[in-house]
Amino acid sequence: VCGDMPGSTAQTPVTPTPTSADLLFYQEQEPGEEGSVVRYVISPKFLRIDSGKADNGYILFDRQAQIVYSVSHSNQAVFAVVKQDLNGTLPADITINTEKSDATELPKVQGQALIKLLLKANAKTCVEIYAAPGLLRSAVAAIKEYKLILAAQHASTLGNTPPELRDPCFVAFDIFKSDDVFQQGLIVREKQSN
């Protein structure tokens, strides 16, 4: 058909090559609320974050284009965040500190002992993290890329963020030092302070 038309060429069917992906499941829970599962599907080209249910929305990060898409089925909307440079620096009135220790209270993950990190801003513990150094490095890199795009977006809209939400923890670890969270490896447990 296509090959019979003047000036056209015959098309050969293309068989897609399988792509491997890392699959991570986290239990997410807000204080006083029932927990929910968050699934990360990570490939060399994409990162997808969802609940594992087809009818819920999801986040899709196109790693090559450096664009984050947030898809909402209920609102029938897609919101896109395009990579931009992170402008600004950590304000001088915010000091950060990281306390690192062995996490002997938790079992090893794939034979890897965990470490515990307390990320602090102005002496307040912002985030408690348990991480597995060296585990799933490509997955960690993808999540870090995604978080850095969000950090730059937060920085660009910081002036519009209500003052009560611009606390030192948010400014430090969601914006200017967001990559500190991933310096020690794959996060297996994270607790944000309130």
C-alpha atoms as a PDB file:
ATOM      1  CA  VAL A   1       0.000   0.000   0.000  1.00  0.00           C
ATOM      2  CA  CYS A   2       2.465   2.664   1.124  1.00  0.00           C
ATOM      3  CA  GLY A   3       5.201   1.189  -1.076  1.00  0.00           C
ATOM      4  CA  ASP A   4       2.883   1.212  -4.135  1.00  0.00           C
ATOM      5  CA  MET A   5       2.418   4.970  -4.059  1.00  0.00           C
ATOM      6  CA  PRO A   6       4.735   7.043  -6.264  1.00  0.00           C
ATOM      7  CA  GLY A   7       7.492   8.726  -4.263  1.00  0.00           C
ATOM      8  CA  SER A   8       6.829   6.696  -1.130  1.00  0.00           C
ATOM      9  CA  THR A   9       8.925   4.070   0.533  1.00  0.00           C
ATOM     10  CA  ALA A  10       7.914   0.773   2.048  1.00  0.00           C
ATOM     11  CA  GLN A  11       7.737   0.746   5.824  1.00  0.00           C
ATOM     12  CA  THR A  12       9.179  -1.999   7.952  1.00  0.00           C
ATOM     13  CA  PRO A  13       7.418  -2.766  11.212  1.00  0.00           C
ATOM     14  CA  VAL A  14       9.498  -1.820  14.234  1.00  0.00           C
ATOM     15  CA  THR A  15       9.577  -4.112  17.217  1.00  0.00           C
ATOM     16  CA  PRO A  16       9.974  -2.110  20.410  1.00  0.00           C
ATOM     17  CA  THR A  17      12.943  -3.105  22.500  1.00  0.00           C
ATOM     18  CA  PRO A  18      12.153  -3.828  26.114  1.00  0.00           C
ATOM     19  CA  THR A  19      13.388  -1.257  28.582  1.00  0.00           C
ATOM     20  CA  SER A  20      14.298  -2.180  32.100  1.00  0.00           C
ATOM     21  CA  ALA A  21      12.953  -0.069  34.908  1.00  0.00           C
ATOM     22  CA  ASP A  22      13.440   0.188  38.641  1.00  0.00           C
ATOM     23  CA  LEU A  23      10.263  -0.071  40.658  1.00  0.00           C
ATOM     24  CA  LEU A  24      10.082   1.443  44.131  1.00  0.00           C
ATOM     25  CA  PHE A  25       7.137   1.451  46.509  1.00  0.00           C
ATOM     26  CA  TYR A  26       6.870   3.810  49.460  1.00  0.00           C
ATOM     27  CA  GLN A  27       4.200   4.108  52.125  1.00  0.00           C
ATOM     28  CA  GLU A  28       3.272   7.780  52.505  1.00  0.00           C
ATOM     29  CA  GLN A  29       1.410   8.979  55.558  1.00  0.00           C
ATOM     30  CA  GLU A  30       0.466  12.397  56.850  1.00  0.00           C
ATOM     31  CA  PRO A  31       0.021  12.763  60.621  1.00  0.00           C
ATOM     32  CA  GLY A  32      -3.452  11.655  61.669  1.00  0.00           C
ATOM     33  CA  GLU A  33      -4.288  10.240  58.232  1.00  0.00           C
ATOM     34  CA  GLU A  34      -4.389   6.787  56.703  1.00  0.00           C
ATOM     35  CA  GLY A  35      -1.316   5.892  54.681  1.00  0.00           C
ATOM     36  CA  SER A  36      -1.209   5.377  50.931  1.00  0.00           C
ATOM     37  CA  VAL A  37       1.183   3.657  48.539  1.00  0.00           C
ATOM     38  CA  VAL A  38       3.344   5.760  46.224  1.00  0.00           C
ATOM     39  CA  ARG A  39       4.972   3.941  43.317  1.00  0.00           C
ATOM     40  CA  TYR A  40       8.071   5.134  41.438  1.00  0.00           C
ATOM     41  CA  VAL A  41       8.732   3.599  38.013  1.00  0.00           C
ATOM     42  CA  ILE A  42      12.175   4.690  36.872  1.00  0.00           C
ATOM     43  CA  SER A  43      13.735   4.093  33.470  1.00  0.00           C
ATOM     44  CA  PRO A  44      16.598   5.822  31.648  1.00  0.00           C
ATOM     45  CA  LYS A  45      14.084   8.097  29.864  1.00  0.00           C
ATOM     46  CA  PHE A  46      11.245   8.569  32.352  1.00  0.00           C
ATOM     47  CA  LEU A  47      10.249   8.709  35.999  1.00  0.00           C
ATOM     48  CA  ARG A  48       6.603   8.068  36.806  1.00  0.00           C
ATOM     49  CA  ILE A  49       5.159   8.621  40.265  1.00  0.00           C
ATOM     50  CA  ASP A  50       1.675   7.315  40.978  1.00  0.00           C
ATOM     51  CA  SER A  51      -0.485   5.301  43.344  1.00  0.00           C
ATOM     52  CA  GLY A  52      -0.465   2.216  41.147  1.00  0.00           C
ATOM     53  CA  LYS A  53      -4.148   2.720  40.359  1.00  0.00           C
ATOM     54  CA  ALA A  54      -5.153   3.529  36.788  1.00  0.00           C
ATOM     55  CA  ASP A  55      -7.911   6.001  37.716  1.00  0.00           C
ATOM     56  CA  ASN A  56      -5.670   8.263  39.821  1.00  0.00           C
ATOM     57  CA  GLY A  57      -3.484  11.054  38.546  1.00  0.00           C
ATOM     58  CA  TYR A  58       0.254  10.738  38.205  1.00  0.00           C
ATOM     59  CA  ILE A  59       3.486  12.617  37.695  1.00  0.00           C
ATOM     60  CA  LEU A  60       5.610  11.918  34.634  1.00  0.00           C
ATOM     61  CA  PHE A  61       9.136  13.294  34.404  1.00  0.00           C
ATOM     62  CA  ASP A  62      10.605  13.213  30.901  1.00  0.00           C
ATOM     63  CA  ARG A  63      14.302  12.960  31.742  1.00  0.00           C
ATOM     64  CA  GLN A  64      15.501  13.769  28.232  1.00  0.00           C
ATOM     65  CA  ALA A  65      13.315  16.860  27.748  1.00  0.00           C
ATOM     66  CA  GLN A  66      13.680  17.821  31.452  1.00  0.00           C
ATOM     67  CA  ILE A  67       9.946  18.462  31.836  1.00  0.00           C
ATOM     68  CA  VAL A  68       7.734  17.366  34.730  1.00  0.00           C
ATOM     69  CA  TYR A  69       4.083  16.693  33.871  1.00  0.00           C
ATOM     70  CA  SER A  70       1.434  16.448  36.560  1.00  0.00           C
ATOM     71  CA  VAL A  71      -1.639  14.695  35.178  1.00  0.00           C
ATOM     72  CA  SER A  72      -4.964  15.017  36.983  1.00  0.00           C
ATOM     73  CA  HIS A  73      -7.743  12.737  35.749  1.00  0.00           C
ATOM     74  CA  SER A  74     -10.329  14.300  38.063  1.00  0.00           C
ATOM     75  CA  ASN A  75      -9.603  17.831  36.783  1.00  0.00           C
ATOM     76  CA  GLN A  76      -8.864  16.636  33.244  1.00  0.00           C
ATOM     77  CA  ALA A  77      -5.724  18.750  33.315  1.00  0.00           C
ATOM     78  CA  VAL A  78      -2.004  18.493  32.699  1.00  0.00           C
ATOM     79  CA  PHE A  79       0.404  20.882  34.369  1.00  0.00           C
ATOM     80  CA  ALA A  80       3.984  21.101  33.075  1.00  0.00           C
ATOM     81  CA  VAL A  81       7.132  22.363  34.798  1.00  0.00           C
ATOM     82  CA  VAL A  82      10.063  22.966  32.453  1.00  0.00           C
ATOM     83  CA  LYS A  83      13.615  22.868  33.755  1.00  0.00           C
ATOM     84  CA  GLN A  84      15.063  26.259  34.605  1.00  0.00           C
ATOM     85  CA  ASP A  85      18.173  27.385  36.407  1.00  0.00           C
ATOM     86  CA  LEU A  86      18.002  27.570  40.160  1.00  0.00           C
ATOM     87  CA  ASN A  87      18.452  31.269  40.875  1.00  0.00           C
ATOM     88  CA  GLY A  88      19.547  32.567  44.228  1.00  0.00           C
ATOM     89  CA  THR A  89      21.379  31.095  47.171  1.00  0.00           C
ATOM     90  CA  LEU A  90      20.515  29.941  50.638  1.00  0.00           C
ATOM     91  CA  PRO A  91      19.752  33.082  52.677  1.00  0.00           C
ATOM     92  CA  ALA A  92      22.512  34.034  55.127  1.00  0.00           C
ATOM     93  CA  ASP A  93      20.095  33.864  58.074  1.00  0.00           C
ATOM     94  CA  ILE A  94      19.577  30.120  57.520  1.00  0.00           C
ATOM     95  CA  THR A  95      22.282  27.776  58.737  1.00  0.00           C
ATOM     96  CA  ILE A  96      22.133  24.107  57.877  1.00  0.00           C
ATOM     97  CA  ASN A  97      23.640  21.150  59.642  1.00  0.00           C
ATOM     98  CA  THR A  98      23.622  17.420  58.920  1.00  0.00           C
ATOM     99  CA  GLU A  99      24.038  14.777  61.605  1.00  0.00           C
ATOM    100  CA  LYS A 100      25.017  11.353  60.279  1.00  0.00           C
ATOM    101  CA  SER A 101      25.022   8.049  62.155  1.00  0.00           C
ATOM    102  CA  ASP A 102      24.711   4.320  61.554  1.00  0.00           C
ATOM    103  CA  ALA A 103      21.096   3.172  61.521  1.00  0.00           C
ATOM    104  CA  THR A 104      21.563   0.017  63.551  1.00  0.00           C
ATOM    105  CA  GLU A 105      17.896   0.046  64.609  1.00  0.00           C
ATOM    106  CA  LEU A 106      16.784  -0.871  61.060  1.00  0.00           C
ATOM    107  CA  PRO A 107      17.564  -4.033  59.083  1.00  0.00           C
ATOM    108  CA  LYS A 108      19.918  -4.014  56.111  1.00  0.00           C
ATOM    109  CA  VAL A 109      18.454  -3.503  52.630  1.00  0.00           C
ATOM    110  CA  GLN A 110      19.850  -5.912  50.035  1.00  0.00           C
ATOM    111  CA  GLY A 111      22.754  -6.542  52.378  1.00  0.00           C
ATOM    112  CA  GLN A 112      23.485  -2.820  52.694  1.00  0.00           C
ATOM    113  CA  ALA A 113      23.621  -1.242  56.157  1.00  0.00           C
ATOM    114  CA  LEU A 114      21.604   1.947  56.373  1.00  0.00           C
ATOM    115  CA  ILE A 115      22.692   5.338  57.590  1.00  0.00           C
ATOM    116  CA  LYS A 116      20.561   7.858  59.433  1.00  0.00           C
ATOM    117  CA  LEU A 117      20.675  11.552  58.592  1.00  0.00           C
ATOM    118  CA  LEU A 118      19.137  14.437  60.450  1.00  0.00           C
ATOM    119  CA  LEU A 119      18.957  17.489  58.199  1.00  0.00           C
ATOM    120  CA  LYS A 120      18.621  20.655  60.240  1.00  0.00           C
ATOM    121  CA  ALA A 121      17.974  24.317  59.488  1.00  0.00           C
ATOM    122  CA  ASN A 122      18.588  26.874  62.232  1.00  0.00           C
ATOM    123  CA  ALA A 123      19.021  24.000  64.733  1.00  0.00           C
ATOM    124  CA  LYS A 124      15.550  22.579  63.964  1.00  0.00           C
ATOM    125  CA  THR A 125      15.372  19.025  62.610  1.00  0.00           C
ATOM    126  CA  CYS A 126      13.656  19.306  59.236  1.00  0.00           C
ATOM    127  CA  VAL A 127      14.038  15.828  57.809  1.00  0.00           C
ATOM    128  CA  GLU A 128      15.008  12.457  59.246  1.00  0.00           C
ATOM    129  CA  ILE A 129      16.298  10.139  56.532  1.00  0.00           C
ATOM    130  CA  TYR A 130      17.395   6.538  56.406  1.00  0.00           C
ATOM    131  CA  ALA A 131      19.421   5.861  53.274  1.00  0.00           C
ATOM    132  CA  ALA A 132      21.176   2.912  51.634  1.00  0.00           C
ATOM    133  CA  PRO A 133      24.507   4.134  50.201  1.00  0.00           C
ATOM    134  CA  GLY A 134      25.298   2.833  46.727  1.00  0.00           C
ATOM    135  CA  LEU A 135      21.929   1.147  46.200  1.00  0.00           C
ATOM    136  CA  LEU A 136      20.060   1.770  42.900  1.00  0.00           C
ATOM    137  CA  ARG A 137      22.264   4.691  41.863  1.00  0.00           C
ATOM    138  CA  SER A 138      20.386   5.255  38.585  1.00  0.00           C
ATOM    139  CA  ALA A 139      17.070   5.504  40.445  1.00  0.00           C
ATOM    140  CA  VAL A 140      18.582   7.971  42.922  1.00  0.00           C
ATOM    141  CA  ALA A 141      19.915  10.064  40.017  1.00  0.00           C
ATOM    142  CA  ALA A 142      16.466  10.199  38.372  1.00  0.00           C
ATOM    143  CA  ILE A 143      14.693  11.231  41.571  1.00  0.00           C
ATOM    144  CA  LYS A 144      17.367  13.855  42.242  1.00  0.00           C
ATOM    145  CA  GLU A 145      16.920  15.320  38.712  1.00  0.00           C
ATOM    146  CA  TYR A 146      13.165  15.523  39.295  1.00  0.00           C
ATOM    147  CA  LYS A 147      13.557  17.182  42.704  1.00  0.00           C
ATOM    148  CA  LEU A 148      16.026  19.750  41.328  1.00  0.00           C
ATOM    149  CA  ILE A 149      13.484  20.845  38.706  1.00  0.00           C
ATOM    150  CA  LEU A 150      10.907  21.290  41.464  1.00  0.00           C
ATOM    151  CA  ALA A 151      13.459  23.193  43.571  1.00  0.00           C
ATOM    152  CA  ALA A 152      14.076  25.681  40.753  1.00  0.00           C
ATOM    153  CA  GLN A 153      10.310  26.106  40.321  1.00  0.00           C
ATOM    154  CA  HIS A 154       9.898  26.743  44.060  1.00  0.00           C
ATOM    155  CA  ALA A 155      12.752  29.278  43.948  1.00  0.00           C
ATOM    156  CA  SER A 156      11.144  31.144  41.047  1.00  0.00           C
ATOM    157  CA  THR A 157       7.856  31.481  42.934  1.00  0.00           C
ATOM    158  CA  LEU A 158       9.277  31.962  46.436  1.00  0.00           C
ATOM    159  CA  GLY A 159       8.170  35.605  46.514  1.00  0.00           C
ATOM    160  CA  ASN A 160       4.568  34.453  45.983  1.00  0.00           C
ATOM    161  CA  THR A 161       4.758  31.754  48.650  1.00  0.00           C
ATOM    162  CA  PRO A 162       2.845  32.670  51.817  1.00  0.00           C
ATOM    163  CA  PRO A 163       5.269  33.685  54.596  1.00  0.00           C
ATOM    164  CA  GLU A 164       4.015  30.935  56.927  1.00  0.00           C
ATOM    165  CA  LEU A 165       5.163  28.341  54.357  1.00  0.00           C
ATOM    166  CA  ARG A 166       8.604  29.902  53.830  1.00  0.00           C
ATOM    167  CA  ASP A 167      10.130  28.418  56.941  1.00  0.00           C
ATOM    168  CA  PRO A 168      13.875  27.634  57.022  1.00  0.00           C
ATOM    169  CA  CYS A 169      13.257  23.914  56.420  1.00  0.00           C
ATOM    170  CA  PHE A 170      11.323  24.553  53.210  1.00  0.00           C
ATOM    171  CA  VAL A 171      13.778  27.153  51.917  1.00  0.00           C
ATOM    172  CA  ALA A 172      16.798  24.971  52.738  1.00  0.00           C
ATOM    173  CA  PHE A 173      15.791  21.428  51.811  1.00  0.00           C
ATOM    174  CA  ASP A 174      13.032  21.938  49.249  1.00  0.00           C
ATOM    175  CA  ILE A 175      14.898  24.652  47.361  1.00  0.00           C
ATOM    176  CA  PHE A 176      18.531  25.596  47.833  1.00  0.00           C
ATOM    177  CA  LYS A 177      19.892  22.394  49.359  1.00  0.00           C
ATOM    178  CA  SER A 178      17.352  19.920  47.959  1.00  0.00           C
ATOM    179  CA  ASP A 179      20.107  17.710  46.576  1.00  0.00           C
ATOM    180  CA  ASP A 180      21.573  17.223  50.087  1.00  0.00           C
ATOM    181  CA  VAL A 181      18.734  14.799  50.715  1.00  0.00           C
ATOM    182  CA  PHE A 182      20.130  12.410  48.072  1.00  0.00           C
ATOM    183  CA  GLN A 183      23.867  12.656  48.769  1.00  0.00           C
ATOM    184  CA  GLN A 184      23.940   9.522  50.922  1.00  0.00           C
ATOM    185  CA  GLY A 185      22.085   7.089  48.651  1.00  0.00           C
ATOM    186  CA  LEU A 186      18.641   5.637  48.129  1.00  0.00           C
ATOM    187  CA  ILE A 187      16.149   6.934  50.655  1.00  0.00           C
ATOM    188  CA  VAL A 188      14.311   4.012  52.231  1.00  0.00           C
ATOM    189  CA  ARG A 189      12.550   6.053  54.900  1.00  0.00           C
ATOM    190  CA  GLU A 190      11.951   9.783  55.270  1.00  0.00           C
ATOM    191  CA  LYS A 191      10.153  11.695  57.952  1.00  0.00           C
ATOM    192  CA  GLN A 192       9.463  15.417  57.616  1.00  0.00           C
ATOM    193  CA  SER A 193       9.108  17.395  60.818  1.00  0.00           C
ATOM    194  CA  ASN A 194       5.997  19.473  61.278  1.00  0.00           C
END
